[in-house]
Protein backbone atom coordinates (compact mmCIF):
# COMPACT_ATOMS: atom_id res chain seq x y z
CA ALA A 1 -0.06 -0.03 0.09
CA GLY A 2 2.95 2.91 1.02
CA ARG A 3 4.60 1.94 -2.20
CA LEU A 4 1.03 2.62 -4.16
CA ALA A 5 0.44 5.64 -2.15
CA TYR A 6 4.17 7.25 -3.06
CA GLU A 7 3.12 6.12 -6.58
CA ASP A 8 0.17 8.26 -6.40
CA PHE A 9 2.04 11.21 -4.48
CA LEU A 10 4.65 10.97 -8.05
CA ALA A 11 1.75 11.71 -10.19
CA ARG A 12 0.32 14.71 -7.97
CA LEU A 13 3.16 16.10 -8.36
CA ARG A 14 3.84 15.51 -11.86
CA ALA A 15 0.09 17.54 -11.96
CA LEU A 16 1.61 20.59 -10.45
CA ALA A 17 3.32 22.08 -13.96
CA THR A 18 -0.81 22.31 -14.88
CA LEU A 19 -1.51 24.65 -11.49
CA ASP A 20 -1.51 28.43 -11.18
CA PRO A 21 1.31 28.88 -10.89
CA PRO A 22 3.19 25.47 -12.54
CA LEU A 23 6.15 23.60 -10.88
CA ASP A 24 6.99 20.90 -13.53
CA VAL A 25 8.99 19.10 -10.80
CA THR A 26 10.32 17.00 -14.11
CA ALA A 27 12.89 19.18 -14.67
CA ALA A 28 14.49 18.74 -11.59
CA PRO A 29 18.16 16.64 -12.06
CA ARG A 30 17.13 14.20 -8.84
CA TRP A 31 13.83 13.66 -10.58
CA PRO A 32 14.70 10.51 -12.30
CA ALA A 33 16.48 9.37 -9.42
CA LEU A 34 13.47 9.71 -6.94
CA THR A 35 11.27 8.22 -9.35
CA SER A 36 13.70 5.22 -9.63
CA LEU A 37 13.72 4.82 -6.01
CA VAL A 38 9.97 4.93 -5.35
CA GLU A 39 9.68 2.48 -7.95
CA ALA A 40 12.33 -0.12 -6.46
CA GLY A 41 10.35 0.42 -3.24
CA ARG A 42 12.68 2.57 -1.42
CA LEU A 43 10.70 5.28 -0.02
CA ASP A 44 12.17 5.92 3.39
CA ALA A 45 15.05 6.95 0.55
CA ALA A 46 12.78 9.63 -1.39
CA GLU A 47 10.87 10.79 0.90
CA ASP A 48 11.93 14.04 2.21
CA GLU A 49 13.29 14.84 -1.10
CA LEU A 50 9.68 14.85 -2.12
CA ASP A 51 8.15 16.82 0.62
CA ALA A 52 10.51 19.56 -0.16
CA TYR A 53 8.52 19.44 -3.15
CA VAL A 54 5.77 20.01 -1.13
CA CYS A 55 7.04 22.87 0.55
CA ALA A 56 8.43 24.79 -3.10
CA TYR A 57 5.25 24.36 -4.39
CA VAL A 58 3.45 25.98 -1.32
CA ALA A 59 6.14 28.69 -1.01
CA ILE A 60 5.16 29.26 -4.89
CA TYR A 61 1.43 29.04 -4.39
CA HIS A 62 1.73 31.62 -1.37
CA ARG A 63 3.67 33.98 -3.17
CA ARG A 64 1.51 34.22 -6.00
CA TRP A 65 -2.46 33.76 -4.29
CA HIS A 66 -0.76 35.45 -1.27
CA GLY A 67 -4.26 36.62 0.81
CA ARG A 68 -6.78 35.35 -1.98
CA ARG A 69 -6.15 31.54 -2.07
CA SER A 70 -3.43 31.35 0.56
CA LEU A 71 -3.20 31.89 4.23
CA VAL A 72 -0.68 32.57 7.09
CA VAL A 73 -1.79 30.85 10.42
CA GLY A 74 0.25 32.63 13.36
CA ASP A 75 2.55 34.13 13.70
CA VAL A 76 6.35 34.65 13.57
CA ALA A 77 7.01 34.93 17.32
CA SER A 78 4.93 32.29 18.21
CA GLY A 79 5.28 30.04 14.83
CA TYR A 80 3.13 30.12 12.11
CA ILE A 81 1.98 27.84 9.10
CA VAL A 82 1.34 28.94 5.65
CA THR A 83 -1.61 27.04 3.56
CA PRO A 84 -3.28 26.90 0.63
CA VAL A 85 -7.26 27.54 0.87
CA ASP A 86 -10.84 27.72 -0.40
CA ARG A 87 -13.60 29.92 0.51
CA GLU A 88 -14.65 27.51 2.99
CA ALA A 89 -11.46 26.71 4.83
CA GLU A 90 -10.42 30.31 5.04
CA GLY A 91 -13.97 31.26 6.24
CA ALA A 92 -13.27 28.80 9.18
CA LEU A 93 -9.29 29.36 9.57
CA ARG A 94 -10.63 32.98 10.20
CA ALA A 95 -13.64 32.50 12.44
CA TRP A 96 -11.06 29.78 14.76
CA GLY A 97 -8.03 32.89 14.64
CA ALA A 98 -10.59 35.42 15.61
CA ARG A 99 -12.09 32.73 18.26
CA LEU A 100 -8.49 32.19 20.05
CA ALA A 101 -6.68 35.15 18.99
CA VAL A 102 -4.30 33.87 16.15
CA PRO A 103 -3.16 36.07 13.55
CA VAL A 104 -4.50 35.04 9.90
CA SER A 105 -3.72 36.61 7.09
């Protein structure tokens, strides 16, 4: 099951090239090696690098959509997370932040 989940994850990472903003993960020099590791079932060896693609995309997405389809929850002093949101998630996060006095921007 783990390998199938990782193969799905790879497909979803490749699909980032079709989104706004796009990110073509297959252009990275390490991409063939990472896909080979997943195909060989060496998931632990690929996990951190694959997670880095997600983090990179969230940063690119946030730069493009900050305040419209991406929010910062928290602050530098206490810690924060950057997350893409749809309208429903944005409303829920803003309400949660207001109730708990956590900045949401």
